[in-house]
C-alpha atoms as a PDB file:
ATOM      1  CA  MET A   1     219.941  87.830  86.138  1.00  0.00           C
ATOM      2  CA  PHE A   2     222.740  90.036  85.460  1.00  0.00           C
ATOM      3  CA  TYR A   3     222.219  94.049  86.120  1.00  0.00           C
ATOM      4  CA  LYS A   4     224.073  96.994  85.116  1.00  0.00           C
ATOM      5  CA  PHE A   5     223.596  99.411  88.211  1.00  0.00           C
ATOM      6  CA  HIS A   6     224.002 103.147  88.689  1.00  0.00           C
ATOM      7  CA  LYS A   7     225.572 103.664  91.994  1.00  0.00           C
ATOM      8  CA  GLN A   8     224.949 107.399  93.589  1.00  0.00           C
ATOM      9  CA  SER A   9     228.105 109.465  94.482  1.00  0.00           C
ATOM     10  CA  GLY A  10     228.105 109.477  98.085  1.00  0.00           C
ATOM     11  CA  THR A  11     227.022 106.266  99.401  1.00  0.00           C
ATOM     12  CA  PHE A  12     228.596 102.845 100.541  1.00  0.00           C
ATOM     13  CA  ALA A  13     228.630 100.486  97.323  1.00  0.00           C
ATOM     14  CA  ASN A  14     227.574  97.453  99.805  1.00  0.00           C
ATOM     15  CA  ASN A  15     224.601  99.842 100.908  1.00  0.00           C
ATOM     16  CA  SER A  16     223.131 100.694  97.570  1.00  0.00           C
ATOM     17  CA  VAL A  17     223.083  96.577  97.122  1.00  0.00           C
ATOM     18  CA  ARG A  18     221.467  95.955  99.608  1.00  0.00           C
ATOM     19  CA  LYS A  19     218.673  98.236  98.859  1.00  0.00           C
ATOM     20  CA  LEU A  20     218.964  97.274  95.641  1.00  0.00           C
ATOM     21  CA  SER A  21     218.211  93.603  96.168  1.00  0.00           C
ATOM     22  CA  LYS A  22     214.648  94.880  98.337  1.00  0.00           C
ATOM     23  CA  SER A  23     213.697  96.371  94.769  1.00  0.00           C
ATOM     24  CA  LEU A  24     214.830  92.981  92.552  1.00  0.00           C
ATOM     25  CA  ASN A  25     212.658  91.168  95.466  1.00  0.00           C
ATOM     26  CA  THR A  26     215.957  88.674  95.738  1.00  0.00           C
ATOM     27  CA  LYS A  27     217.377  87.997  98.892  1.00  0.00           C
ATOM     28  CA  LYS A  28     220.571  86.800  97.028  1.00  0.00           C
ATOM     29  CA  ILE A  29     222.712  89.204  95.240  1.00  0.00           C
ATOM     30  CA  GLY A  30     226.018  90.014  94.516  1.00  0.00           C
ATOM     31  CA  HIS A  31     228.387  92.337  92.806  1.00  0.00           C
ATOM     32  CA  SER A  32     231.475  92.566  90.397  1.00  0.00           C
ATOM     33  CA  GLY A  33     233.258  95.227  92.276  1.00  0.00           C
ATOM     34  CA  ILE A  34     232.961  97.962  94.330  1.00  0.00           C
ATOM     35  CA  LEU A  35     233.289 101.644  93.910  1.00  0.00           C
ATOM     36  CA  ASP A  36     234.190 104.167  96.643  1.00  0.00           C
ATOM     37  CA  PRO A  37     231.803 105.829  98.814  1.00  0.00           C
ATOM     38  CA  LEU A  38     232.821 109.298  96.517  1.00  0.00           C
ATOM     39  CA  ALA A  39     232.160 107.882  93.228  1.00  0.00           C
ATOM     40  CA  SER A  40     229.415 106.767  91.379  1.00  0.00           C
ATOM     41  CA  GLY A  41     228.752 104.937  88.422  1.00  0.00           C
ATOM     42  CA  LEU A  42     228.523 101.591  86.828  1.00  0.00           C
ATOM     43  CA  MET A  43     228.599  98.623  89.126  1.00  0.00           C
ATOM     44  CA  ILE A  44     227.298  94.747  87.751  1.00  0.00           C
ATOM     45  CA  VAL A  45     225.023  93.368  89.834  1.00  0.00           C
ATOM     46  CA  ALA A  46     224.289  89.712  89.444  1.00  0.00           C
ATOM     47  CA  THR A  47     221.311  88.101  91.484  1.00  0.00           C
ATOM     48  CA  ASP A  48     220.346  84.440  92.304  1.00  0.00           C
ATOM     49  CA  PHE A  49     222.302  81.711  90.591  1.00  0.00           C
ATOM     50  CA  GLU A  50     224.355  84.044  87.833  1.00  0.00           C
ATOM     51  CA  THR A  51     225.845  85.414  91.608  1.00  0.00           C
ATOM     52  CA  LYS A  52     228.000  82.747  91.319  1.00  0.00           C
ATOM     53  CA  LEU A  53     229.169  83.361  88.022  1.00  0.00           C
ATOM     54  CA  LEU A  54     230.190  86.992  88.718  1.00  0.00           C
ATOM     55  CA  GLU A  55     233.968  85.920  88.403  1.00  0.00           C
ATOM     56  CA  PHE A  56     233.828  84.741  85.272  1.00  0.00           C
ATOM     57  CA  ILE A  57     232.731  87.768  83.373  1.00  0.00           C
ATOM     58  CA  ASP A  58     234.660  90.188  81.697  1.00  0.00           C
ATOM     59  CA  ASN A  59     235.707  92.922  83.633  1.00  0.00           C
ATOM     60  CA  LYS A  60     239.680  93.661  83.125  1.00  0.00           C
ATOM     61  CA  ASN A  61     239.557  97.252  81.757  1.00  0.00           C
ATOM     62  CA  LYS A  62     237.682 100.025  83.513  1.00  0.00           C
ATOM     63  CA  THR A  63     236.769 103.454  82.295  1.00  0.00           C
ATOM     64  CA  TYR A  64     236.246 106.307  84.283  1.00  0.00           C
ATOM     65  CA  ILE A  65     236.046 110.150  84.188  1.00  0.00           C
ATOM     66  CA  ALA A  66     237.632 112.018  86.869  1.00  0.00           C
ATOM     67  CA  THR A  67     238.374 115.209  88.158  1.00  0.00           C
ATOM     68  CA  CYS A  68     241.379 116.469  89.876  1.00  0.00           C
ATOM     69  CA  LEU A  69     242.486 119.656  92.466  1.00  0.00           C
ATOM     70  CA  PHE A  70     246.017 120.528  92.651  1.00  0.00           C
ATOM     71  CA  GLY A  71     248.231 121.507  95.707  1.00  0.00           C
ATOM     72  CA  TYR A  72     245.893 119.508  98.097  1.00  0.00           C
ATOM     73  CA  THR A  73     246.689 116.265  99.350  1.00  0.00           C
ATOM     74  CA  ASN A  74     245.858 113.935 102.254  1.00  0.00           C
ATOM     75  CA  ASP A  75     245.432 110.514 103.822  1.00  0.00           C
ATOM     76  CA  SER A  76     242.796 109.195 100.990  1.00  0.00           C
ATOM     77  CA  LEU A  77     244.002 111.366  98.036  1.00  0.00           C
ATOM     78  CA  ASP A  78     240.443 112.237  97.240  1.00  0.00           C
ATOM     79  CA  THR A  79     237.838 114.879  98.941  1.00  0.00           C
ATOM     80  CA  ASP A  80     236.117 112.959 101.903  1.00  0.00           C
ATOM     81  CA  LEU A  81     238.527 114.351 104.079  1.00  0.00           C
ATOM     82  CA  PRO A  82     239.818 117.285 105.075  1.00  0.00           C
ATOM     83  CA  LEU A  83     242.366 118.649 102.272  1.00  0.00           C
ATOM     84  CA  ILE A  84     245.813 119.675 103.260  1.00  0.00           C
ATOM     85  CA  GLN A  85     246.603 123.198 101.094  1.00  0.00           C
ATOM     86  CA  ILE A  86     250.617 121.901  99.706  1.00  0.00           C
ATOM     87  CA  ASP A  87     252.708 125.237  98.536  1.00  0.00           C
ATOM     88  CA  THR A  88     253.342 123.726  94.995  1.00  0.00           C
ATOM     89  CA  PRO A  89     253.719 126.293  91.623  1.00  0.00           C
ATOM     90  CA  LYS A  90     250.996 126.430  89.664  1.00  0.00           C
ATOM     91  CA  ILE A  91     250.845 123.866  86.512  1.00  0.00           C
ATOM     92  CA  THR A  92     249.880 124.516  83.286  1.00  0.00           C
ATOM     93  CA  LYS A  93     247.519 122.965  81.051  1.00  0.00           C
ATOM     94  CA  GLU A  94     250.892 122.087  78.832  1.00  0.00           C
ATOM     95  CA  MET A  95     252.567 120.752  81.691  1.00  0.00           C
ATOM     96  CA  PHE A  96     249.701 118.198  82.772  1.00  0.00           C
ATOM     97  CA  GLU A  97     249.686 116.987  79.507  1.00  0.00           C
ATOM     98  CA  GLU A  98     253.097 116.186  79.499  1.00  0.00           C
ATOM     99  CA  ALA A  99     252.803 114.432  82.342  1.00  0.00           C
ATOM    100  CA  ILE A 100     249.877 112.664  81.113  1.00  0.00           C
ATOM    101  CA  GLN A 101     251.935 111.241  78.855  1.00  0.00           C
ATOM    102  CA  LYS A 102     254.610 110.053  80.508  1.00  0.00           C
ATOM    103  CA  ALA A 103     252.024 108.237  83.062  1.00  0.00           C
ATOM    104  CA  LYS A 104     250.549 105.979  80.186  1.00  0.00           C
ATOM    105  CA  ALA A 105     253.943 104.444  80.971  1.00  0.00           C
ATOM    106  CA  PHE A 106     253.099 103.219  84.482  1.00  0.00           C
ATOM    107  CA  LYS A 107     253.358  99.647  85.029  1.00  0.00           C
ATOM    108  CA  THR A 108     252.874  99.785  88.868  1.00  0.00           C
ATOM    109  CA  GLN A 109     251.352 101.985  91.997  1.00  0.00           C
ATOM    110  CA  ILE A 110     251.252 101.843  95.273  1.00  0.00           C
ATOM    111  CA  PRO A 111     247.311 101.659  96.912  1.00  0.00           C
ATOM    112  CA  PRO A 112     246.190 104.567  99.101  1.00  0.00           C
ATOM    113  CA  ILE A 113     246.091 103.816 102.698  1.00  0.00           C
ATOM    114  CA  TYR A 114     242.382 104.577 102.670  1.00  0.00           C
ATOM    115  CA  SER A 115     241.386 101.522 100.613  1.00  0.00           C
ATOM    116  CA  ALA A 116     240.027  98.157 100.991  1.00  0.00           C
ATOM    117  CA  LYS A 117     243.037  96.619  99.652  1.00  0.00           C
ATOM    118  CA  LYS A 118     243.881  93.804 102.466  1.00  0.00           C
ATOM    119  CA  ILE A 119     247.017  93.182 104.481  1.00  0.00           C
ATOM    120  CA  ASP A 120     247.375  90.422 106.966  1.00  0.00           C
ATOM    121  CA  GLY A 121     243.650  89.354 106.379  1.00  0.00           C
ATOM    122  CA  LYS A 122     242.437  93.275 107.257  1.00  0.00           C
ATOM    123  CA  LYS A 123     241.531  96.221 105.182  1.00  0.00           C
ATOM    124  CA  ALA A 124     244.290  98.981 104.874  1.00  0.00           C
ATOM    125  CA  TYR A 125     241.690 101.782 105.639  1.00  0.00           C
ATOM    126  CA  GLU A 126     240.916 100.049 108.934  1.00  0.00           C
ATOM    127  CA  TYR A 127     244.573 100.499 109.738  1.00  0.00           C
ATOM    128  CA  ALA A 128     244.389 104.215 109.148  1.00  0.00           C
ATOM    129  CA  ARG A 129     241.290 104.531 110.870  1.00  0.00           C
ATOM    130  CA  ASN A 130     243.643 103.236 114.165  1.00  0.00           C
ATOM    131  CA  ASN A 131     246.371 105.078 112.774  1.00  0.00           C
ATOM    132  CA  GLU A 132     248.671 102.268 112.635  1.00  0.00           C
ATOM    133  CA  LYS A 133     251.319 102.176 110.057  1.00  0.00           C
ATOM    134  CA  VAL A 134     251.302  99.439 107.188  1.00  0.00           C
ATOM    135  CA  GLU A 135     253.293  98.933 104.546  1.00  0.00           C
ATOM    136  CA  LEU A 136     251.225  98.772 101.453  1.00  0.00           C
ATOM    137  CA  ARG A 137     252.879  96.932  98.212  1.00  0.00           C
ATOM    138  CA  PRO A 138     253.378  97.988  94.700  1.00  0.00           C
ATOM    139  CA  GLN A 139     250.904  96.232  92.392  1.00  0.00           C
ATOM    140  CA  GLN A 140     250.843  96.057  88.797  1.00  0.00           C
ATOM    141  CA  ILE A 141     248.835  98.006  86.889  1.00  0.00           C
ATOM    142  CA  GLU A 142     247.869  98.970  83.090  1.00  0.00           C
ATOM    143  CA  VAL A 143     246.870 102.113  82.069  1.00  0.00           C
ATOM    144  CA  TYR A 144     245.322 102.192  78.290  1.00  0.00           C
ATOM    145  CA  LYS A 145     243.853 105.275  77.970  1.00  0.00           C
ATOM    146  CA  TYR A 146     244.266 108.512  79.661  1.00  0.00           C
ATOM    147  CA  GLN A 147     242.934 111.627  78.048  1.00  0.00           C
ATOM    148  CA  LEU A 148     242.674 115.718  79.375  1.00  0.00           C
ATOM    149  CA  LEU A 149     239.158 116.906  78.806  1.00  0.00           C
ATOM    150  CA  ASN A 150     239.381 119.971  80.218  1.00  0.00           C
ATOM    151  CA  PHE A 151     242.018 122.096  82.673  1.00  0.00           C
ATOM    152  CA  ASP A 152     241.120 124.993  84.217  1.00  0.00           C
ATOM    153  CA  TYR A 153     244.455 127.175  85.338  1.00  0.00           C
ATOM    154  CA  SER A 154     242.801 129.714  87.372  1.00  0.00           C
ATOM    155  CA  LYS A 155     240.616 126.717  89.577  1.00  0.00           C
ATOM    156  CA  GLN A 156     243.889 124.644  89.155  1.00  0.00           C
ATOM    157  CA  GLU A 157     241.284 121.762  88.212  1.00  0.00           C
ATOM    158  CA  ALA A 158     241.745 119.047  85.255  1.00  0.00           C
ATOM    159  CA  LYS A 159     238.823 116.493  84.180  1.00  0.00           C
ATOM    160  CA  VAL A 160     240.145 113.341  82.145  1.00  0.00           C
ATOM    161  CA  LEU A 161     238.975 110.044  80.359  1.00  0.00           C
ATOM    162  CA  ILE A 162     240.812 107.452  82.145  1.00  0.00           C
ATOM    163  CA  GLU A 163     240.960 103.374  80.941  1.00  0.00           C
ATOM    164  CA  VAL A 164     242.836 101.418  83.382  1.00  0.00           C
ATOM    165  CA  SER A 165     242.898  98.062  84.384  1.00  0.00           C
ATOM    166  CA  GLU A 166     241.092  96.153  87.035  1.00  0.00           C
ATOM    167  CA  GLY A 167     242.136  97.461  90.640  1.00  0.00           C
ATOM    168  CA  THR A 168     243.845 100.518  89.484  1.00  0.00           C
ATOM    169  CA  TYR A 169     243.407 103.402  91.906  1.00  0.00           C
ATOM    170  CA  ILE A 170     242.244 106.380  90.103  1.00  0.00           C
ATOM    171  CA  ARG A 171     243.095 108.811  92.930  1.00  0.00           C
ATOM    172  CA  THR A 172     246.614 107.251  93.337  1.00  0.00           C
ATOM    173  CA  LEU A 173     247.334 107.607  89.024  1.00  0.00           C
ATOM    174  CA  LEU A 174     246.471 111.186  89.396  1.00  0.00           C
ATOM    175  CA  ASN A 175     248.635 112.053  92.144  1.00  0.00           C
ATOM    176  CA  ASP A 176     251.087 109.907  90.750  1.00  0.00           C
ATOM    177  CA  THR A 177     250.911 111.913  87.453  1.00  0.00           C
ATOM    178  CA  ALA A 178     251.179 115.195  89.560  1.00  0.00           C
ATOM    179  CA  LYS A 179     254.183 114.597  91.351  1.00  0.00           C
ATOM    180  CA  LEU A 180     255.651 114.262  87.821  1.00  0.00           C
ATOM    181  CA  VAL A 181     255.350 118.093  87.358  1.00  0.00           C
ATOM    182  CA  ASN A 182     256.296 118.600  91.055  1.00  0.00           C
ATOM    183  CA  SER A 183     252.519 118.714  92.526  1.00  0.00           C
ATOM    184  CA  CYS A 184     250.398 116.872  94.037  1.00  0.00           C
ATOM    185  CA  CYS A 185     246.677 116.546  94.020  1.00  0.00           C
ATOM    186  CA  VAL A 186     243.387 115.296  95.539  1.00  0.00           C
ATOM    187  CA  MET A 187     240.151 113.665  93.486  1.00  0.00           C
ATOM    188  CA  SER A 188     237.021 115.575  93.759  1.00  0.00           C
ATOM    189  CA  SER A 189     234.683 113.535  91.436  1.00  0.00           C
ATOM    190  CA  LEU A 190     235.110 109.894  90.278  1.00  0.00           C
ATOM    191  CA  VAL A 191     232.510 108.315  86.903  1.00  0.00           C
ATOM    192  CA  ARG A 192     232.568 105.063  86.167  1.00  0.00           C
ATOM    193  CA  THR A 193     231.405 104.731  82.635  1.00  0.00           C
ATOM    194  CA  LYS A 194     232.826 101.410  81.636  1.00  0.00           C
ATOM    195  CA  ILE A 195     233.214  97.762  82.739  1.00  0.00           C
ATOM    196  CA  GLY A 196     234.440  95.113  79.762  1.00  0.00           C
ATOM    197  CA  GLU A 197     232.406  96.337  77.196  1.00  0.00           C
ATOM    198  CA  ILE A 198     229.321  97.184  79.023  1.00  0.00           C
ATOM    199  CA  GLU A 199     228.659 101.037  79.179  1.00  0.00           C
ATOM    200  CA  LEU A 200     226.644 103.273  81.625  1.00  0.00           C
ATOM    201  CA  ASP A 201     225.342 105.034  78.782  1.00  0.00           C
ATOM    202  CA  ASN A 202     222.232 106.824  80.128  1.00  0.00           C
ATOM    203  CA  LEU A 203     220.952 104.749  83.016  1.00  0.00           C
ATOM    204  CA  SER A 204     219.934 107.025  85.711  1.00  0.00           C
ATOM    205  CA  GLU A 205     221.564 106.958  89.398  1.00  0.00           C
ATOM    206  CA  ASN A 206     220.002 104.077  91.538  1.00  0.00           C
ATOM    207  CA  GLN A 207     218.559 102.719  88.419  1.00  0.00           C
ATOM    208  CA  THR A 208     219.065  99.036  86.907  1.00  0.00           C
ATOM    209  CA  GLN A 209     219.031  97.888  83.588  1.00  0.00           C
ATOM    210  CA  LYS A 210     219.385  93.822  82.793  1.00  0.00           C
ATOM    211  CA  ILE A 211     222.360  93.002  80.815  1.00  0.00           C
ATOM    212  CA  ASP A 212     222.246  90.170  78.326  1.00  0.00           C
ATOM    213  CA  PHE A 213     224.247  87.112  79.630  1.00  0.00           C
ATOM    214  CA  TRP A 214     226.065  86.537  76.899  1.00  0.00           C
ATOM    215  CA  ASP A 215     227.476  90.266  76.681  1.00  0.00           C
ATOM    216  CA  LEU A 216     229.120  89.258  80.264  1.00  0.00           C
ATOM    217  CA  ILE A 217     231.155  86.262  79.480  1.00  0.00           C
ATOM    218  CA  SER A 218     232.615  84.323  76.608  1.00  0.00           C
ATOM    219  CA  MET A 219     232.756  80.592  77.780  1.00  0.00           C
ATOM    220  CA  PRO A 220     232.405  77.245  75.660  1.00  0.00           C
ATOM    221  CA  THR A 221     228.987  76.024  76.110  1.00  0.00           C
ATOM    222  CA  ILE A 222     227.801  72.446  76.158  1.00  0.00           C
ATOM    223  CA  LYS A 223     223.740  71.914  75.725  1.00  0.00           C
ATOM    224  CA  LEU A 224     222.453  69.672  78.589  1.00  0.00           C
ATOM    225  CA  MET A 225     220.949  66.990  77.880  1.00  0.00           C
ATOM    226  CA  PRO A 226     218.399  64.552  79.700  1.00  0.00           C
ATOM    227  CA  ASP A 227     220.607  61.215  79.915  1.00  0.00           C
ATOM    228  CA  MET A 228     223.226  64.297  82.229  1.00  0.00           C
ATOM    229  CA  PHE A 229     220.245  65.115  84.578  1.00  0.00           C
ATOM    230  CA  ILE A 230     221.007  62.638  87.119  1.00  0.00           C
ATOM    231  CA  LYS A 231     224.604  62.781  87.430  1.00  0.00           C
ATOM    232  CA  LEU A 232     224.571  66.366  86.995  1.00  0.00           C
ATOM    233  CA  SER A 233     221.983  66.697  90.319  1.00  0.00           C
ATOM    234  CA  ASN A 234     224.963  64.482  92.252  1.00  0.00           C
ATOM    235  CA  GLY A 235     227.903  66.717  91.176  1.00  0.00           C
ATOM    236  CA  ASN A 236     229.104  64.062  88.908  1.00  0.00           C
ATOM    237  CA  PRO A 237     231.473  63.788  86.241  1.00  0.00           C
ATOM    238  CA  ILE A 238     230.196  63.814  82.874  1.00  0.00           C
ATOM    239  CA  GLN A 239     231.513  62.491  79.523  1.00  0.00           C
ATOM    240  CA  LEU A 240     231.051  64.270  76.520  1.00  0.00           C
ATOM    241  CA  ASN A 241     230.266  63.056  72.983  1.00  0.00           C
ATOM    242  CA  THR A 242     232.118  65.876  71.206  1.00  0.00           C
ATOM    243  CA  LYS A 243     235.285  66.535  71.699  1.00  0.00           C
ATOM    244  CA  MET A 244     236.311  69.937  73.427  1.00  0.00           C
ATOM    245  CA  PRO A 245     239.329  71.313  74.242  1.00  0.00           C
ATOM    246  CA  ASN A 246     240.224  71.724  78.284  1.00  0.00           C
ATOM    247  CA  THR A 247     239.072  74.555  79.407  1.00  0.00           C
ATOM    248  CA  LYS A 248     236.256  76.087  81.873  1.00  0.00           C
ATOM    249  CA  ALA A 249     232.716  75.936  80.347  1.00  0.00           C
ATOM    250  CA  LEU A 250     228.914  76.315  80.944  1.00  0.00           C
ATOM    251  CA  MET A 251     226.474  74.175  80.821  1.00  0.00           C
ATOM    252  CA  ILE A 252     222.987  75.455  79.407  1.00  0.00           C
ATOM    253  CA  ASN A 253     219.992  73.812  79.912  1.00  0.00           C
ATOM    254  CA  SER A 254     216.471  73.899  77.245  1.00  0.00           C
ATOM    255  CA  LEU A 255     215.661  77.337  78.396  1.00  0.00           C
ATOM    256  CA  GLY A 256     218.672  78.833  77.457  1.00  0.00           C
ATOM    257  CA  LEU A 257     220.006  79.293  81.210  1.00  0.00           C
ATOM    258  CA  VAL A 258     222.862  78.411  82.757  1.00  0.00           C
ATOM    259  CA  ALA A 259     222.756  75.322  84.660  1.00  0.00           C
ATOM    260  CA  SER A 260     226.440  74.459  85.865  1.00  0.00           C
ATOM    261  CA  VAL A 261     229.763  76.161  85.555  1.00  0.00           C
ATOM    262  CA  GLY A 262     232.621  73.761  85.365  1.00  0.00           C
ATOM    263  CA  GLU A 263     235.649  72.420  83.783  1.00  0.00           C
ATOM    264  CA  ILE A 264     236.538  70.115  80.891  1.00  0.00           C
ATOM    265  CA  LYS A 265     239.474  67.885  81.211  1.00  0.00           C
ATOM    266  CA  GLU A 266     239.866  64.985  78.697  1.00  0.00           C
ATOM    267  CA  ASN A 267     236.729  65.345  77.419  1.00  0.00           C
ATOM    268  CA  ILE A 268     234.894  65.043  80.666  1.00  0.00           C
ATOM    269  CA  PHE A 269     232.777  67.503  82.370  1.00  0.00           C
ATOM    270  CA  TYR A 270     233.577  68.629  85.514  1.00  0.00           C
ATOM    271  CA  PRO A 271     230.558  70.439  87.306  1.00  0.00           C
ATOM    272  CA  LYS A 272     232.087  73.052  89.715  1.00  0.00           C
ATOM    273  CA  LYS A 273     228.998  75.288  90.602  1.00  0.00           C
ATOM    274  CA  THR A 274     225.400  73.654  89.614  1.00  0.00           C
ATOM    275  CA  ALA A 275     221.827  75.197  90.438  1.00  0.00           C
ATOM    276  CA  LEU A 276     219.670  72.092  90.796  1.00  0.00           C
ATOM    277  CA  GLU A 277     216.283  73.854  90.199  1.00  0.00           C
ATOM    278  CA  ARG A 278     217.947  74.409  86.554  1.00  0.00           C
ATOM    279  CA  ILE A 279     218.107  70.957  85.204  1.00  0.00           C
ATOM    280  CA  LEU A 280     215.816  70.506  82.746  1.00  0.00           C
END
């Protein structure tokens, strides 16, 4: 099964998912992407065989509501670490709105050192905690939407709505935007509201809601027929009777469940991952 899950702020995503496995009464559980401890909001979680399908879901675009404080910095670019106040001029709403328009054109960013970005098989934050210096390379990003929701001049605080490509660090994007007006900032809150076409809606913290499989994955399907059972059970290629293009595809059983995921080449289905208990 697939679920949407509302992660609570101040918790580690992996710990939250492990606790969730108990409430869902399953030992096999996975997710499509974590959230930092500071962040709350939407995660997509899968159980049982569906954990093997997580890599195929449409989660390329992610939407967030974030709050940032100008005139502060630290290595994590958020409020999880002690803040360092920087003597920068106050910025206005108009200045930040102009910076946002420019930031929409950003195509690269350097991930923060306090991140799960891997360098030589080791997570960046592990180097940071050991005071080891490493070079983080720029990565490609896309900014699809960047909108100012609220600006408090006296607090030097802004609230924004952002839709970005998968893997974009919002705290880096905010700080890079602040740099355009000769300032800096740290992220003080972050809520993920949407992954692909799946929305958080009114789901309460630590609660789950089932997601229809077809709302997550768009792939050609093949109906599992009785004469395919033995070959699929043994992981053997299956000749298809209907002409289909070369592509990744799903094999669906009589109950409408995914029994196998694989690839079609020259009208032959090559199974890659199969749930033997679903061959029926």
